[in-house]
All heavy atoms as atom14 arrays in JSON, in Angstrom:
{
  "sequence": "AKLTGSAVPLTPLAPGVPIPAPEVHGPEGSRRRRFEPAEIVLE",
  "atom14_mask": [
    [1, 1, 1, 1, 1, 0, 0, 0, 0, 0, 0, 0, 0, 0],
    [1, 1, 1, 1, 1, 1, 1, 1, 1, 0, 0, 0, 0, 0],
    [1, 1, 1, 1, 1, 1, 1, 1, 0, 0, 0, 0, 0, 0],
    [1, 1, 1, 1, 1, 1, 1, 0, 0, 0, 0, 0, 0, 0],
    [1, 1, 1, 1, 0, 0, 0, 0, 0, 0, 0, 0, 0, 0],
    [1, 1, 1, 1, 1, 1, 0, 0, 0, 0, 0, 0, 0, 0],
    [1, 1, 1, 1, 1, 0, 0, 0, 0, 0, 0, 0, 0, 0],
    [1, 1, 1, 1, 1, 1, 1, 0, 0, 0, 0, 0, 0, 0],
    [1, 1, 1, 1, 1, 1, 1, 0, 0, 0, 0, 0, 0, 0],
    [1, 1, 1, 1, 1, 1, 1, 1, 0, 0, 0, 0, 0, 0],
    [1, 1, 1, 1, 1, 1, 1, 0, 0, 0, 0, 0, 0, 0],
    [1, 1, 1, 1, 1, 1, 1, 0, 0, 0, 0, 0, 0, 0],
    [1, 1, 1, 1, 1, 1, 1, 1, 0, 0, 0, 0, 0, 0],
    [1, 1, 1, 1, 1, 0, 0, 0, 0, 0, 0, 0, 0, 0],
    [1, 1, 1, 1, 1, 1, 1, 0, 0, 0, 0, 0, 0, 0],
    [1, 1, 1, 1, 0, 0, 0, 0, 0, 0, 0, 0, 0, 0],
    [1, 1, 1, 1, 1, 1, 1, 0, 0, 0, 0, 0, 0, 0],
    [1, 1, 1, 1, 1, 1, 1, 0, 0, 0, 0, 0, 0, 0],
    [1, 1, 1, 1, 1, 1, 1, 1, 0, 0, 0, 0, 0, 0],
    [1, 1, 1, 1, 1, 1, 1, 0, 0, 0, 0, 0, 0, 0],
    [1, 1, 1, 1, 1, 0, 0, 0, 0, 0, 0, 0, 0, 0],
    [1, 1, 1, 1, 1, 1, 1, 0, 0, 0, 0, 0, 0, 0],
    [1, 1, 1, 1, 1, 1, 1, 1, 1, 0, 0, 0, 0, 0],
    [1, 1, 1, 1, 1, 1, 1, 0, 0, 0, 0, 0, 0, 0],
    [1, 1, 1, 1, 1, 1, 1, 1, 1, 1, 0, 0, 0, 0],
    [1, 1, 1, 1, 0, 0, 0, 0, 0, 0, 0, 0, 0, 0],
    [1, 1, 1, 1, 1, 1, 1, 0, 0, 0, 0, 0, 0, 0],
    [1, 1, 1, 1, 1, 1, 1, 1, 1, 0, 0, 0, 0, 0],
    [1, 1, 1, 1, 0, 0, 0, 0, 0, 0, 0, 0, 0, 0],
    [1, 1, 1, 1, 1, 1, 0, 0, 0, 0, 0, 0, 0, 0],
    [1, 1, 1, 1, 1, 1, 1, 1, 1, 1, 1, 0, 0, 0],
    [1, 1, 1, 1, 1, 1, 1, 1, 1, 1, 1, 0, 0, 0],
    [1, 1, 1, 1, 1, 1, 1, 1, 1, 1, 1, 0, 0, 0],
    [1, 1, 1, 1, 1, 1, 1, 1, 1, 1, 1, 0, 0, 0],
    [1, 1, 1, 1, 1, 1, 1, 1, 1, 1, 1, 0, 0, 0],
    [1, 1, 1, 1, 1, 1, 1, 1, 1, 0, 0, 0, 0, 0],
    [1, 1, 1, 1, 1, 1, 1, 0, 0, 0, 0, 0, 0, 0],
    [1, 1, 1, 1, 1, 0, 0, 0, 0, 0, 0, 0, 0, 0],
    [1, 1, 1, 1, 1, 1, 1, 1, 1, 0, 0, 0, 0, 0],
    [1, 1, 1, 1, 1, 1, 1, 1, 0, 0, 0, 0, 0, 0],
    [1, 1, 1, 1, 1, 1, 1, 0, 0, 0, 0, 0, 0, 0],
    [1, 1, 1, 1, 1, 1, 1, 1, 0, 0, 0, 0, 0, 0],
    [1, 1, 1, 1, 1, 1, 1, 1, 1, 0, 0, 0, 0, 0]
  ],
  "atom14_positions": [
    [[159.98, 119.69, 200.53], [158.53, 119.43, 200.38], [158.13, 118.21, 201.34], [157.05, 118.36, 201.95], [158.38, 118.87, 198.93], [0.0, 0.0, 0.0], [0.0, 0.0, 0.0], [0.0, 0.0, 0.0], [0.0, 0.0, 0.0], [0.0, 0.0, 0.0], [0.0, 0.0, 0.0], [0.0, 0.0, 0.0], [0.0, 0.0, 0.0], [0.0, 0.0, 0.0]],
    [[158.97, 117.31, 201.62], [158.62, 116.3, 202.6], [158.51, 116.87, 204.0], [157.72, 116.5, 204.8], [159.78, 115.17, 202.58], [159.49, 114.08, 203.62], [160.55, 112.98, 203.59], [160.35, 111.96, 204.68], [161.41, 110.92, 204.5], [0.0, 0.0, 0.0], [0.0, 0.0, 0.0], [0.0, 0.0, 0.0], [0.0, 0.0, 0.0], [0.0, 0.0, 0.0]],
    [[159.47, 117.79, 204.27], [159.51, 118.55, 205.68], [158.12, 119.22, 205.88], [157.6, 119.2, 206.98], [160.65, 119.46, 205.75], [160.67, 120.27, 206.96], [161.15, 119.41, 208.25], [161.69, 121.48, 206.83], [0.0, 0.0, 0.0], [0.0, 0.0, 0.0], [0.0, 0.0, 0.0], [0.0, 0.0, 0.0], [0.0, 0.0, 0.0], [0.0, 0.0, 0.0]],
    [[157.66, 119.89, 204.88], [156.45, 120.78, 204.94], [155.07, 119.94, 204.67], [154.06, 120.58, 204.8], [156.51, 121.91, 204.07], [156.56, 121.46, 202.68], [157.78, 122.83, 204.4], [0.0, 0.0, 0.0], [0.0, 0.0, 0.0], [0.0, 0.0, 0.0], [0.0, 0.0, 0.0], [0.0, 0.0, 0.0], [0.0, 0.0, 0.0], [0.0, 0.0, 0.0]],
    [[155.24, 118.69, 204.32], [154.06, 117.91, 203.91], [153.4, 118.47, 202.62], [152.27, 118.37, 202.45], [0.0, 0.0, 0.0], [0.0, 0.0, 0.0], [0.0, 0.0, 0.0], [0.0, 0.0, 0.0], [0.0, 0.0, 0.0], [0.0, 0.0, 0.0], [0.0, 0.0, 0.0], [0.0, 0.0, 0.0], [0.0, 0.0, 0.0], [0.0, 0.0, 0.0]],
    [[154.21, 118.81, 201.67], [153.84, 119.35, 200.38], [154.06, 118.25, 199.36], [154.86, 117.39, 199.39], [154.53, 120.61, 200.01], [154.46, 121.59, 201.03], [0.0, 0.0, 0.0], [0.0, 0.0, 0.0], [0.0, 0.0, 0.0], [0.0, 0.0, 0.0], [0.0, 0.0, 0.0], [0.0, 0.0, 0.0], [0.0, 0.0, 0.0], [0.0, 0.0, 0.0]],
    [[153.36, 118.51, 198.18], [153.51, 117.68, 197.06], [154.85, 117.99, 196.39], [155.38, 119.04, 196.4], [152.45, 117.86, 196.07], [0.0, 0.0, 0.0], [0.0, 0.0, 0.0], [0.0, 0.0, 0.0], [0.0, 0.0, 0.0], [0.0, 0.0, 0.0], [0.0, 0.0, 0.0], [0.0, 0.0, 0.0], [0.0, 0.0, 0.0], [0.0, 0.0, 0.0]],
    [[155.48, 116.96, 195.74], [156.72, 117.16, 195.05], [156.37, 117.8, 193.63], [155.41, 117.33, 193.01], [157.39, 115.77, 194.81], [158.65, 115.96, 193.92], [157.76, 115.15, 196.15], [0.0, 0.0, 0.0], [0.0, 0.0, 0.0], [0.0, 0.0, 0.0], [0.0, 0.0, 0.0], [0.0, 0.0, 0.0], [0.0, 0.0, 0.0], [0.0, 0.0, 0.0]],
    [[157.17, 118.77, 193.13], [156.86, 119.38, 191.88], [157.02, 118.49, 190.72], [157.88, 117.6, 190.71], [157.76, 120.6, 191.83], [158.92, 120.2, 192.73], [158.25, 119.37, 193.9], [0.0, 0.0, 0.0], [0.0, 0.0, 0.0], [0.0, 0.0, 0.0], [0.0, 0.0, 0.0], [0.0, 0.0, 0.0], [0.0, 0.0, 0.0], [0.0, 0.0, 0.0]],
    [[156.19, 118.57, 189.69], [156.3, 117.74, 188.49], [157.42, 118.43, 187.55], [157.7, 117.83, 186.56], [154.96, 117.67, 187.81], [153.83, 116.98, 188.62], [152.51, 116.93, 187.83], [154.25, 115.51, 189.02], [0.0, 0.0, 0.0], [0.0, 0.0, 0.0], [0.0, 0.0, 0.0], [0.0, 0.0, 0.0], [0.0, 0.0, 0.0], [0.0, 0.0, 0.0]],
    [[157.61, 119.68, 187.79], [158.64, 120.45, 186.92], [159.96, 119.75, 186.9], [160.47, 119.27, 188.0], [158.83, 121.83, 187.47], [157.56, 122.49, 187.59], [159.76, 122.61, 186.55], [0.0, 0.0, 0.0], [0.0, 0.0, 0.0], [0.0, 0.0, 0.0], [0.0, 0.0, 0.0], [0.0, 0.0, 0.0], [0.0, 0.0, 0.0], [0.0, 0.0, 0.0]],
    [[160.56, 119.47, 185.73], [161.92, 118.88, 185.68], [162.87, 119.82, 186.42], [162.96, 121.03, 186.1], [162.2, 118.74, 184.23], [160.9, 118.72, 183.56], [160.0, 119.66, 184.36], [0.0, 0.0, 0.0], [0.0, 0.0, 0.0], [0.0, 0.0, 0.0], [0.0, 0.0, 0.0], [0.0, 0.0, 0.0], [0.0, 0.0, 0.0], [0.0, 0.0, 0.0]],
    [[163.69, 119.2, 187.44], [164.65, 119.97, 188.09], [165.99, 119.35, 187.94], [166.28, 118.22, 188.38], [164.3, 120.01, 189.57], [162.93, 120.63, 189.95], [162.58, 120.44, 191.52], [162.89, 122.11, 189.56], [0.0, 0.0, 0.0], [0.0, 0.0, 0.0], [0.0, 0.0, 0.0], [0.0, 0.0, 0.0], [0.0, 0.0, 0.0], [0.0, 0.0, 0.0]],
    [[166.88, 120.05, 187.21], [168.2, 119.56, 187.07], [169.23, 120.73, 186.78], [168.78, 121.79, 186.34], [168.22, 118.6, 185.74], [0.0, 0.0, 0.0], [0.0, 0.0, 0.0], [0.0, 0.0, 0.0], [0.0, 0.0, 0.0], [0.0, 0.0, 0.0], [0.0, 0.0, 0.0], [0.0, 0.0, 0.0], [0.0, 0.0, 0.0], [0.0, 0.0, 0.0]],
    [[170.42, 120.57, 187.19], [171.38, 121.7, 187.04], [171.65, 121.93, 185.56], [171.72, 120.97, 184.74], [172.64, 121.16, 187.72], [172.52, 119.59, 187.73], [171.05, 119.38, 187.83], [0.0, 0.0, 0.0], [0.0, 0.0, 0.0], [0.0, 0.0, 0.0], [0.0, 0.0, 0.0], [0.0, 0.0, 0.0], [0.0, 0.0, 0.0], [0.0, 0.0, 0.0]],
    [[171.95, 123.14, 185.22], [172.35, 123.53, 183.88], [171.29, 123.62, 182.79], [171.55, 123.93, 181.66], [0.0, 0.0, 0.0], [0.0, 0.0, 0.0], [0.0, 0.0, 0.0], [0.0, 0.0, 0.0], [0.0, 0.0, 0.0], [0.0, 0.0, 0.0], [0.0, 0.0, 0.0], [0.0, 0.0, 0.0], [0.0, 0.0, 0.0], [0.0, 0.0, 0.0]],
    [[170.04, 123.3, 183.16], [168.91, 123.43, 182.21], [167.9, 124.45, 182.79], [167.71, 124.56, 183.94], [168.18, 122.12, 181.96], [169.27, 121.12, 181.46], [167.6, 121.56, 183.25], [0.0, 0.0, 0.0], [0.0, 0.0, 0.0], [0.0, 0.0, 0.0], [0.0, 0.0, 0.0], [0.0, 0.0, 0.0], [0.0, 0.0, 0.0], [0.0, 0.0, 0.0]],
    [[167.18, 125.26, 181.84], [166.15, 126.29, 182.29], [165.03, 125.46, 183.03], [164.43, 124.48, 182.74], [165.63, 126.79, 181.01], [166.71, 126.57, 180.06], [167.32, 125.24, 180.41], [0.0, 0.0, 0.0], [0.0, 0.0, 0.0], [0.0, 0.0, 0.0], [0.0, 0.0, 0.0], [0.0, 0.0, 0.0], [0.0, 0.0, 0.0], [0.0, 0.0, 0.0]],
    [[164.72, 126.11, 184.22], [163.66, 125.67, 185.12], [162.55, 126.75, 185.18], [162.78, 127.83, 185.66], [164.17, 125.27, 186.49], [165.21, 124.3, 186.44], [163.02, 124.95, 187.39], [165.89, 123.97, 187.87], [0.0, 0.0, 0.0], [0.0, 0.0, 0.0], [0.0, 0.0, 0.0], [0.0, 0.0, 0.0], [0.0, 0.0, 0.0], [0.0, 0.0, 0.0]],
    [[161.35, 126.42, 184.65], [160.2, 127.49, 184.81], [159.96, 127.77, 186.28], [159.8, 126.81, 187.0], [159.09, 126.7, 184.08], [159.74, 125.71, 183.28], [160.92, 125.25, 183.94], [0.0, 0.0, 0.0], [0.0, 0.0, 0.0], [0.0, 0.0, 0.0], [0.0, 0.0, 0.0], [0.0, 0.0, 0.0], [0.0, 0.0, 0.0], [0.0, 0.0, 0.0]],
    [[159.91, 128.94, 186.59], [159.66, 129.27, 188.09], [158.62, 130.43, 188.11], [158.55, 131.28, 187.28], [160.94, 129.8, 188.68], [0.0, 0.0, 0.0], [0.0, 0.0, 0.0], [0.0, 0.0, 0.0], [0.0, 0.0, 0.0], [0.0, 0.0, 0.0], [0.0, 0.0, 0.0], [0.0, 0.0, 0.0], [0.0, 0.0, 0.0], [0.0, 0.0, 0.0]],
    [[157.7, 130.24, 189.13], [156.71, 131.29, 189.22], [157.24, 132.66, 189.46], [158.42, 132.87, 189.92], [155.77, 130.81, 190.44], [156.22, 129.3, 190.58], [157.51, 129.22, 190.15], [0.0, 0.0, 0.0], [0.0, 0.0, 0.0], [0.0, 0.0, 0.0], [0.0, 0.0, 0.0], [0.0, 0.0, 0.0], [0.0, 0.0, 0.0], [0.0, 0.0, 0.0]],
    [[156.4, 133.69, 189.27], [156.86, 135.04, 189.42], [157.03, 135.41, 190.98], [156.37, 134.81, 191.75], [155.68, 135.95, 188.94], [156.06, 137.38, 188.59], [155.06, 138.11, 187.82], [153.92, 138.08, 188.15], [155.36, 138.87, 186.85], [0.0, 0.0, 0.0], [0.0, 0.0, 0.0], [0.0, 0.0, 0.0], [0.0, 0.0, 0.0], [0.0, 0.0, 0.0]],
    [[157.98, 136.14, 191.15], [158.35, 136.53, 192.54], [157.72, 137.84, 192.89], [157.88, 138.83, 192.07], [159.89, 136.68, 192.71], [160.26, 136.94, 194.15], [160.56, 135.36, 192.26], [0.0, 0.0, 0.0], [0.0, 0.0, 0.0], [0.0, 0.0, 0.0], [0.0, 0.0, 0.0], [0.0, 0.0, 0.0], [0.0, 0.0, 0.0], [0.0, 0.0, 0.0]],
    [[157.04, 137.97, 194.05], [156.48, 139.16, 194.52], [157.02, 139.57, 195.89], [156.43, 139.49, 196.97], [155.1, 139.13, 194.54], [154.34, 138.98, 193.13], [154.34, 139.95, 192.33], [153.76, 137.9, 192.59], [153.71, 139.59, 191.21], [153.35, 138.32, 191.34], [0.0, 0.0, 0.0], [0.0, 0.0, 0.0], [0.0, 0.0, 0.0], [0.0, 0.0, 0.0]],
    [[158.38, 139.98, 195.89], [158.93, 140.36, 197.14], [158.84, 141.88, 197.36], [158.45, 142.66, 196.36], [0.0, 0.0, 0.0], [0.0, 0.0, 0.0], [0.0, 0.0, 0.0], [0.0, 0.0, 0.0], [0.0, 0.0, 0.0], [0.0, 0.0, 0.0], [0.0, 0.0, 0.0], [0.0, 0.0, 0.0], [0.0, 0.0, 0.0], [0.0, 0.0, 0.0]],
    [[158.99, 142.4, 198.46], [158.81, 143.88, 198.73], [159.72, 144.76, 197.97], [159.4, 145.92, 197.62], [158.98, 143.91, 200.24], [159.71, 142.76, 200.64], [159.31, 141.7, 199.7], [0.0, 0.0, 0.0], [0.0, 0.0, 0.0], [0.0, 0.0, 0.0], [0.0, 0.0, 0.0], [0.0, 0.0, 0.0], [0.0, 0.0, 0.0], [0.0, 0.0, 0.0]],
    [[160.94, 144.27, 197.53], [161.81, 145.04, 196.83], [162.61, 144.34, 195.78], [163.06, 143.18, 195.98], [163.03, 145.68, 197.81], [162.47, 146.77, 198.67], [163.6, 147.6, 199.24], [164.81, 147.26, 199.09], [163.38, 148.63, 199.9], [0.0, 0.0, 0.0], [0.0, 0.0, 0.0], [0.0, 0.0, 0.0], [0.0, 0.0, 0.0], [0.0, 0.0, 0.0]],
    [[162.63, 144.8, 194.58], [163.21, 144.12, 193.48], [164.76, 144.35, 193.57], [165.29, 145.28, 194.09], [0.0, 0.0, 0.0], [0.0, 0.0, 0.0], [0.0, 0.0, 0.0], [0.0, 0.0, 0.0], [0.0, 0.0, 0.0], [0.0, 0.0, 0.0], [0.0, 0.0, 0.0], [0.0, 0.0, 0.0], [0.0, 0.0, 0.0], [0.0, 0.0, 0.0]],
    [[165.49, 143.4, 192.86], [166.95, 143.53, 192.78], [167.28, 144.52, 191.64], [166.72, 144.55, 190.58], [167.52, 142.19, 192.48], [168.78, 142.28, 192.1], [0.0, 0.0, 0.0], [0.0, 0.0, 0.0], [0.0, 0.0, 0.0], [0.0, 0.0, 0.0], [0.0, 0.0, 0.0], [0.0, 0.0, 0.0], [0.0, 0.0, 0.0], [0.0, 0.0, 0.0]],
    [[168.29, 145.33, 191.78], [168.86, 146.18, 190.86], [169.23, 145.4, 189.59], [169.34, 145.86, 188.55], [169.9, 147.13, 191.44], [169.51, 148.19, 192.35], [170.61, 149.15, 192.69], [170.07, 150.28, 193.41], [170.01, 150.3, 194.76], [170.57, 149.21, 195.45], [169.67, 151.37, 195.54], [0.0, 0.0, 0.0], [0.0, 0.0, 0.0], [0.0, 0.0, 0.0]],
    [[169.71, 144.21, 189.93], [170.17, 143.29, 188.81], [168.99, 142.6, 188.06], [169.26, 141.86, 187.19], [171.2, 142.37, 189.28], [172.5, 142.97, 189.69], [173.54, 141.95, 190.17], [173.14, 141.38, 191.52], [173.1, 140.16, 191.86], [173.3, 139.17, 190.8], [172.78, 139.7, 193.0], [0.0, 0.0, 0.0], [0.0, 0.0, 0.0], [0.0, 0.0, 0.0]],
    [[167.82, 142.85, 188.51], [166.59, 142.33, 187.95], [166.71, 140.83, 187.9], [166.2, 140.14, 187.05], [166.32, 142.93, 186.56], [166.42, 144.43, 186.55], [166.19, 144.94, 185.12], [164.79, 145.0, 184.75], [163.94, 145.99, 185.1], [164.35, 146.99, 185.76], [162.76, 145.92, 184.62], [0.0, 0.0, 0.0], [0.0, 0.0, 0.0], [0.0, 0.0, 0.0]],
    [[167.27, 140.21, 188.87], [167.57, 138.77, 188.93], [166.3, 137.96, 189.17], [166.28, 136.63, 188.9], [168.69, 138.31, 189.89], [168.41, 138.75, 191.27], [169.66, 138.66, 192.06], [169.43, 139.13, 193.49], [169.24, 138.27, 194.57], [169.22, 136.96, 194.32], [169.11, 138.64, 195.7], [0.0, 0.0, 0.0], [0.0, 0.0, 0.0], [0.0, 0.0, 0.0]],
    [[165.2, 138.55, 189.71], [164.01, 137.75, 189.92], [163.03, 137.83, 188.87], [162.02, 137.14, 188.99], [163.41, 138.26, 191.28], [164.16, 138.09, 192.57], [164.3, 139.11, 193.44], [164.8, 136.86, 192.68], [164.99, 138.9, 194.58], [165.53, 136.61, 193.88], [165.7, 137.62, 194.88], [0.0, 0.0, 0.0], [0.0, 0.0, 0.0], [0.0, 0.0, 0.0]],
    [[163.37, 138.54, 187.77], [162.26, 138.78, 186.71], [162.23, 137.68, 185.67], [161.21, 137.48, 185.05], [162.49, 140.18, 186.19], [162.2, 141.29, 187.21], [162.57, 142.68, 186.61], [162.34, 142.85, 185.42], [162.91, 143.62, 187.41], [0.0, 0.0, 0.0], [0.0, 0.0, 0.0], [0.0, 0.0, 0.0], [0.0, 0.0, 0.0], [0.0, 0.0, 0.0]],
    [[163.34, 137.02, 185.35], [163.21, 136.05, 184.23], [162.25, 134.87, 184.65], [162.25, 134.57, 185.78], [164.67, 135.5, 184.1], [165.56, 136.62, 184.68], [164.7, 137.3, 185.73], [0.0, 0.0, 0.0], [0.0, 0.0, 0.0], [0.0, 0.0, 0.0], [0.0, 0.0, 0.0], [0.0, 0.0, 0.0], [0.0, 0.0, 0.0], [0.0, 0.0, 0.0]],
    [[161.55, 134.4, 183.59], [160.57, 133.43, 183.88], [161.18, 132.0, 184.13], [160.53, 131.12, 184.6], [159.59, 133.26, 182.69], [0.0, 0.0, 0.0], [0.0, 0.0, 0.0], [0.0, 0.0, 0.0], [0.0, 0.0, 0.0], [0.0, 0.0, 0.0], [0.0, 0.0, 0.0], [0.0, 0.0, 0.0], [0.0, 0.0, 0.0], [0.0, 0.0, 0.0]],
    [[162.47, 131.91, 183.79], [163.2, 130.58, 184.03], [164.47, 130.9, 184.82], [165.12, 132.05, 184.76], [163.51, 129.94, 182.63], [162.32, 129.58, 181.86], [162.64, 128.91, 180.59], [163.6, 129.41, 180.01], [161.95, 128.0, 180.1], [0.0, 0.0, 0.0], [0.0, 0.0, 0.0], [0.0, 0.0, 0.0], [0.0, 0.0, 0.0], [0.0, 0.0, 0.0]],
    [[165.01, 129.92, 185.47], [166.31, 129.97, 186.13], [167.01, 128.79, 185.7], [166.64, 127.8, 185.41], [166.0, 129.96, 187.79], [165.34, 128.63, 188.2], [165.38, 131.12, 188.21], [165.23, 128.44, 189.71], [0.0, 0.0, 0.0], [0.0, 0.0, 0.0], [0.0, 0.0, 0.0], [0.0, 0.0, 0.0], [0.0, 0.0, 0.0], [0.0, 0.0, 0.0]],
    [[168.38, 129.02, 185.8], [169.34, 127.92, 185.53], [170.21, 127.82, 186.65], [170.93, 128.75, 187.12], [170.2, 128.37, 184.21], [171.19, 127.15, 183.94], [169.15, 128.38, 183.06], [0.0, 0.0, 0.0], [0.0, 0.0, 0.0], [0.0, 0.0, 0.0], [0.0, 0.0, 0.0], [0.0, 0.0, 0.0], [0.0, 0.0, 0.0], [0.0, 0.0, 0.0]],
    [[170.32, 126.61, 187.23], [171.21, 126.43, 188.45], [172.59, 125.86, 188.01], [172.77, 124.87, 187.36], [170.52, 125.29, 189.29], [169.22, 125.71, 190.0], [168.63, 124.51, 190.71], [169.39, 126.8, 190.99], [0.0, 0.0, 0.0], [0.0, 0.0, 0.0], [0.0, 0.0, 0.0], [0.0, 0.0, 0.0], [0.0, 0.0, 0.0], [0.0, 0.0, 0.0]],
    [[173.57, 126.75, 188.36], [174.97, 126.48, 188.08], [175.75, 126.87, 189.39], [175.56, 127.81, 189.88], [175.43, 127.21, 186.87], [174.7, 126.82, 185.5], [175.23, 127.7, 184.41], [175.64, 128.88, 184.56], [175.24, 127.18, 183.22], [0.0, 0.0, 0.0], [0.0, 0.0, 0.0], [0.0, 0.0, 0.0], [0.0, 0.0, 0.0], [0.0, 0.0, 0.0]]
  ]
}
């Protein structure tokens, strides 16, 4: 965010806990449907 001159997100960001993430609109979806959940967990 600092590199791009953007604001820092207010969303709590921590490993092992669900992080709400916006919908992904890439040209091709994954067969494992990994971009579709509304939350991600970093592990």
